Amino acid sequence: MPKVRVLVVDDHAIVRHTVCALLSEDPTLDIICLTATGEEAVTKAAELQPDLILMDISLPGINGIEAAHQISEVSPDSKTIFLSQHDSIQMAKDALRVCGYGYVTKTDAASDLLKAIQTVGEGGRFVSQRIVEQGWVAENV
């Protein structure tokens, strides 16, 4: 079975490396690229055509939501899971409306990120427990 090819996008090096360490627990994942800006993410997605993109929202230059929108045009088969410090229902709605398949808060990443990847890989959508506890319902998107 081929590995899921993952592009990780976050402007903080420590977050990128922490995410990589977490992803290394799953042998079905292959981290193919790390980027720090939305523009780099769009360029690398067009070039590498990743299966999955883990995208921060607050990025220098174009934000993660705009980058995901552009990526959907240059790499339409890539699925984006947003990984964000923002834990509001409105931010999750905005991100998932663009073309996101999942929304994981950074505070829940240790418990939710691998679950989100599995859920999205099986064709579902995923929202962090922190957002659900605030009243999220699937109809929010």
C-alpha atoms as a PDB file:
ATOM      1  CA  MET A   1       0.000   0.000   0.000  1.00  0.00           C
ATOM      2  CA  PRO A   2       1.505   3.383  -0.975  1.00  0.00           C
ATOM      3  CA  LYS A   3       2.234   5.879   1.757  1.00  0.00           C
ATOM      4  CA  VAL A   4       0.216   9.075   2.137  1.00  0.00           C
ATOM      5  CA  ARG A   5       2.433  11.912   0.919  1.00  0.00           C
ATOM      6  CA  VAL A   6       2.225  14.883   3.312  1.00  0.00           C
ATOM      7  CA  LEU A   7       3.164  18.549   2.949  1.00  0.00           C
ATOM      8  CA  VAL A   8       3.487  20.393   6.290  1.00  0.00           C
ATOM      9  CA  VAL A   9       3.016  24.178   6.269  1.00  0.00           C
ATOM     10  CA  ASP A  10       3.705  26.300   9.351  1.00  0.00           C
ATOM     11  CA  ASP A  11       5.749  29.439   9.828  1.00  0.00           C
ATOM     12  CA  HIS A  12       7.255  28.216  13.116  1.00  0.00           C
ATOM     13  CA  ALA A  13      10.108  25.726  12.735  1.00  0.00           C
ATOM     14  CA  ILE A  14       9.439  24.167  16.135  1.00  0.00           C
ATOM     15  CA  VAL A  15       5.822  23.454  15.158  1.00  0.00           C
ATOM     16  CA  ARG A  16       6.888  21.920  11.834  1.00  0.00           C
ATOM     17  CA  HIS A  17       9.351  19.642  13.615  1.00  0.00           C
ATOM     18  CA  THR A  18       6.860  18.726  16.352  1.00  0.00           C
ATOM     19  CA  VAL A  19       4.263  17.828  13.726  1.00  0.00           C
ATOM     20  CA  CYS A  20       6.860  15.713  11.901  1.00  0.00           C
ATOM     21  CA  ALA A  21       7.704  13.887  15.124  1.00  0.00           C
ATOM     22  CA  LEU A  22       4.019  13.180  15.710  1.00  0.00           C
ATOM     23  CA  LEU A  23       3.510  11.992  12.133  1.00  0.00           C
ATOM     24  CA  SER A  24       6.517   9.696  12.350  1.00  0.00           C
ATOM     25  CA  GLU A  25       4.423   7.525  14.699  1.00  0.00           C
ATOM     26  CA  ASP A  26       2.358   6.449  11.676  1.00  0.00           C
ATOM     27  CA  PRO A  27       4.296   4.318   9.178  1.00  0.00           C
ATOM     28  CA  THR A  28       1.689   4.981   6.463  1.00  0.00           C
ATOM     29  CA  LEU A  29       2.704   8.667   6.248  1.00  0.00           C
ATOM     30  CA  ASP A  30       5.588  10.104   4.232  1.00  0.00           C
ATOM     31  CA  ILE A  31       6.506  13.746   4.880  1.00  0.00           C
ATOM     32  CA  ILE A  32       7.615  14.992   1.485  1.00  0.00           C
ATOM     33  CA  CYS A  33       8.087  18.696   2.183  1.00  0.00           C
ATOM     34  CA  LEU A  34       8.069  21.361   4.904  1.00  0.00           C
ATOM     35  CA  THR A  35       7.303  24.989   4.080  1.00  0.00           C
ATOM     36  CA  ALA A  36       6.906  28.184   6.089  1.00  0.00           C
ATOM     37  CA  THR A  37       4.703  30.423   3.919  1.00  0.00           C
ATOM     38  CA  GLY A  38       1.482  30.205   1.979  1.00  0.00           C
ATOM     39  CA  GLU A  39       3.238  31.091  -1.254  1.00  0.00           C
ATOM     40  CA  GLU A  40       5.790  28.283  -0.781  1.00  0.00           C
ATOM     41  CA  ALA A  41       2.953  25.878  -0.010  1.00  0.00           C
ATOM     42  CA  VAL A  42       1.186  26.691  -3.286  1.00  0.00           C
ATOM     43  CA  THR A  43       4.409  26.297  -5.278  1.00  0.00           C
ATOM     44  CA  LYS A  44       5.354  23.006  -3.615  1.00  0.00           C
ATOM     45  CA  ALA A  45       1.833  21.611  -3.873  1.00  0.00           C
ATOM     46  CA  ALA A  46       1.787  22.342  -7.604  1.00  0.00           C
ATOM     47  CA  GLU A  47       5.181  20.687  -8.000  1.00  0.00           C
ATOM     48  CA  LEU A  48       4.781  17.670  -5.687  1.00  0.00           C
ATOM     49  CA  GLN A  49       1.014  16.982  -5.774  1.00  0.00           C
ATOM     50  CA  PRO A  50       0.822  15.788  -2.142  1.00  0.00           C
ATOM     51  CA  ASP A  51      -2.038  13.603  -0.963  1.00  0.00           C
ATOM     52  CA  LEU A  52      -2.439  15.605   2.233  1.00  0.00           C
ATOM     53  CA  ILE A  53      -1.534  19.114   3.365  1.00  0.00           C
ATOM     54  CA  LEU A  54      -1.352  20.122   7.017  1.00  0.00           C
ATOM     55  CA  MET A  55      -1.823  23.890   6.855  1.00  0.00           C
ATOM     56  CA  ASP A  56      -1.479  26.587   9.480  1.00  0.00           C
ATOM     57  CA  ILE A  57      -3.867  29.505   9.005  1.00  0.00           C
ATOM     58  CA  SER A  58      -1.737  32.375  10.311  1.00  0.00           C
ATOM     59  CA  LEU A  59       1.114  32.533   7.822  1.00  0.00           C
ATOM     60  CA  PRO A  60       3.265  35.388   6.539  1.00  0.00           C
ATOM     61  CA  GLY A  61       2.165  36.619   3.117  1.00  0.00           C
ATOM     62  CA  ILE A  62      -1.002  34.884   2.035  1.00  0.00           C
ATOM     63  CA  ASN A  63      -2.761  33.127   4.897  1.00  0.00           C
ATOM     64  CA  GLY A  64      -3.447  29.403   5.014  1.00  0.00           C
ATOM     65  CA  ILE A  65      -7.056  29.735   3.907  1.00  0.00           C
ATOM     66  CA  GLU A  66      -6.073  31.636   0.761  1.00  0.00           C
ATOM     67  CA  ALA A  67      -3.157  29.240   0.159  1.00  0.00           C
ATOM     68  CA  ALA A  68      -5.531  26.256   0.431  1.00  0.00           C
ATOM     69  CA  HIS A  69      -7.873  27.891  -2.072  1.00  0.00           C
ATOM     70  CA  GLN A  70      -5.003  28.368  -4.531  1.00  0.00           C
ATOM     71  CA  ILE A  71      -3.759  24.831  -3.911  1.00  0.00           C
ATOM     72  CA  SER A  72      -7.191  23.442  -4.755  1.00  0.00           C
ATOM     73  CA  GLU A  73      -6.653  24.865  -8.245  1.00  0.00           C
ATOM     74  CA  VAL A  74      -3.072  23.620  -8.805  1.00  0.00           C
ATOM     75  CA  SER A  75      -3.318  20.310  -6.928  1.00  0.00           C
ATOM     76  CA  PRO A  76      -7.026  19.400  -6.904  1.00  0.00           C
ATOM     77  CA  ASP A  77      -6.551  15.914  -5.449  1.00  0.00           C
ATOM     78  CA  SER A  78      -4.719  17.199  -2.358  1.00  0.00           C
ATOM     79  CA  LYS A  79      -6.765  17.277   0.839  1.00  0.00           C
ATOM     80  CA  THR A  80      -6.107  20.003   3.395  1.00  0.00           C
ATOM     81  CA  ILE A  81      -6.347  19.677   7.150  1.00  0.00           C
ATOM     82  CA  PHE A  82      -5.961  22.996   8.892  1.00  0.00           C
ATOM     83  CA  LEU A  83      -3.775  22.958  11.997  1.00  0.00           C
ATOM     84  CA  SER A  84      -4.355  26.227  13.810  1.00  0.00           C
ATOM     85  CA  GLN A  85      -3.984  28.058  17.092  1.00  0.00           C
ATOM     86  CA  HIS A  86      -7.459  29.533  16.501  1.00  0.00           C
ATOM     87  CA  ASP A  87     -10.118  27.615  18.394  1.00  0.00           C
ATOM     88  CA  SER A  88     -13.275  29.392  17.262  1.00  0.00           C
ATOM     89  CA  ILE A  89     -16.200  27.845  15.452  1.00  0.00           C
ATOM     90  CA  GLN A  90     -16.207  30.758  12.997  1.00  0.00           C
ATOM     91  CA  MET A  91     -12.563  30.207  12.031  1.00  0.00           C
ATOM     92  CA  ALA A  92     -13.187  26.486  11.569  1.00  0.00           C
ATOM     93  CA  LYS A  93     -16.226  27.262   9.391  1.00  0.00           C
ATOM     94  CA  ASP A  94     -14.263  29.703   7.258  1.00  0.00           C
ATOM     95  CA  ALA A  95     -11.415  27.229   6.779  1.00  0.00           C
ATOM     96  CA  LEU A  96     -13.594  24.241   5.961  1.00  0.00           C
ATOM     97  CA  ARG A  97     -15.760  26.185   3.539  1.00  0.00           C
ATOM     98  CA  VAL A  98     -12.752  26.986   1.377  1.00  0.00           C
ATOM     99  CA  CYS A  99     -11.742  23.398   0.742  1.00  0.00           C
ATOM    100  CA  GLY A 100     -10.610  21.983   4.046  1.00  0.00           C
ATOM    101  CA  TYR A 101     -11.336  18.438   5.083  1.00  0.00           C
ATOM    102  CA  GLY A 102     -10.306  18.856   8.695  1.00  0.00           C
ATOM    103  CA  TYR A 103      -9.645  21.419  11.377  1.00  0.00           C
ATOM    104  CA  VAL A 104      -7.343  20.582  14.288  1.00  0.00           C
ATOM    105  CA  THR A 105      -6.440  23.076  16.983  1.00  0.00           C
ATOM    106  CA  LYS A 106      -2.764  23.077  17.888  1.00  0.00           C
ATOM    107  CA  THR A 107      -3.673  22.525  21.529  1.00  0.00           C
ATOM    108  CA  ASP A 108      -5.436  19.292  20.511  1.00  0.00           C
ATOM    109  CA  ALA A 109      -2.882  18.159  17.929  1.00  0.00           C
ATOM    110  CA  ALA A 110      -1.302  15.464  20.108  1.00  0.00           C
ATOM    111  CA  SER A 111      -4.643  13.728  20.576  1.00  0.00           C
ATOM    112  CA  ASP A 112      -6.455  14.687  17.354  1.00  0.00           C
ATOM    113  CA  LEU A 113      -4.017  15.016  14.452  1.00  0.00           C
ATOM    114  CA  LEU A 114      -3.536  11.341  13.618  1.00  0.00           C
ATOM    115  CA  LYS A 115      -7.288  10.752  14.088  1.00  0.00           C
ATOM    116  CA  ALA A 116      -7.993  13.620  11.701  1.00  0.00           C
ATOM    117  CA  ILE A 117      -5.629  12.191   9.090  1.00  0.00           C
ATOM    118  CA  GLN A 118      -7.271   8.775   9.365  1.00  0.00           C
ATOM    119  CA  THR A 119     -10.794  10.222   9.161  1.00  0.00           C
ATOM    120  CA  VAL A 120      -9.967  12.367   6.133  1.00  0.00           C
ATOM    121  CA  GLY A 121      -8.173   9.435   4.492  1.00  0.00           C
ATOM    122  CA  GLU A 122     -11.369   7.398   4.851  1.00  0.00           C
ATOM    123  CA  GLY A 123     -13.379  10.132   3.127  1.00  0.00           C
ATOM    124  CA  GLY A 124     -14.720  11.903   6.205  1.00  0.00           C
ATOM    125  CA  ARG A 125     -14.281  15.322   7.745  1.00  0.00           C
ATOM    126  CA  PHE A 126     -12.794  16.046  11.139  1.00  0.00           C
ATOM    127  CA  VAL A 127     -13.049  18.887  13.653  1.00  0.00           C
ATOM    128  CA  SER A 128     -11.082  19.040  16.925  1.00  0.00           C
ATOM    129  CA  GLN A 129     -12.780  18.182  20.157  1.00  0.00           C
ATOM    130  CA  ARG A 130     -12.174  21.741  21.430  1.00  0.00           C
ATOM    131  CA  ILE A 131     -14.351  23.096  18.609  1.00  0.00           C
ATOM    132  CA  VAL A 132     -17.020  20.409  19.109  1.00  0.00           C
ATOM    133  CA  GLU A 133     -17.229  21.310  22.815  1.00  0.00           C
ATOM    134  CA  GLN A 134     -18.050  24.893  21.840  1.00  0.00           C
ATOM    135  CA  GLY A 135     -21.155  23.720  19.996  1.00  0.00           C
ATOM    136  CA  TRP A 136     -19.893  22.669  16.559  1.00  0.00           C
ATOM    137  CA  VAL A 137     -22.309  20.632  14.502  1.00  0.00           C
ATOM    138  CA  ALA A 138     -21.627  19.166  11.070  1.00  0.00           C
ATOM    139  CA  GLU A 139     -24.159  21.521   9.504  1.00  0.00           C
ATOM    140  CA  ASN A 140     -21.858  24.433  10.382  1.00  0.00           C
ATOM    141  CA  VAL A 141     -20.045  24.046   7.057  1.00  0.00           C
END
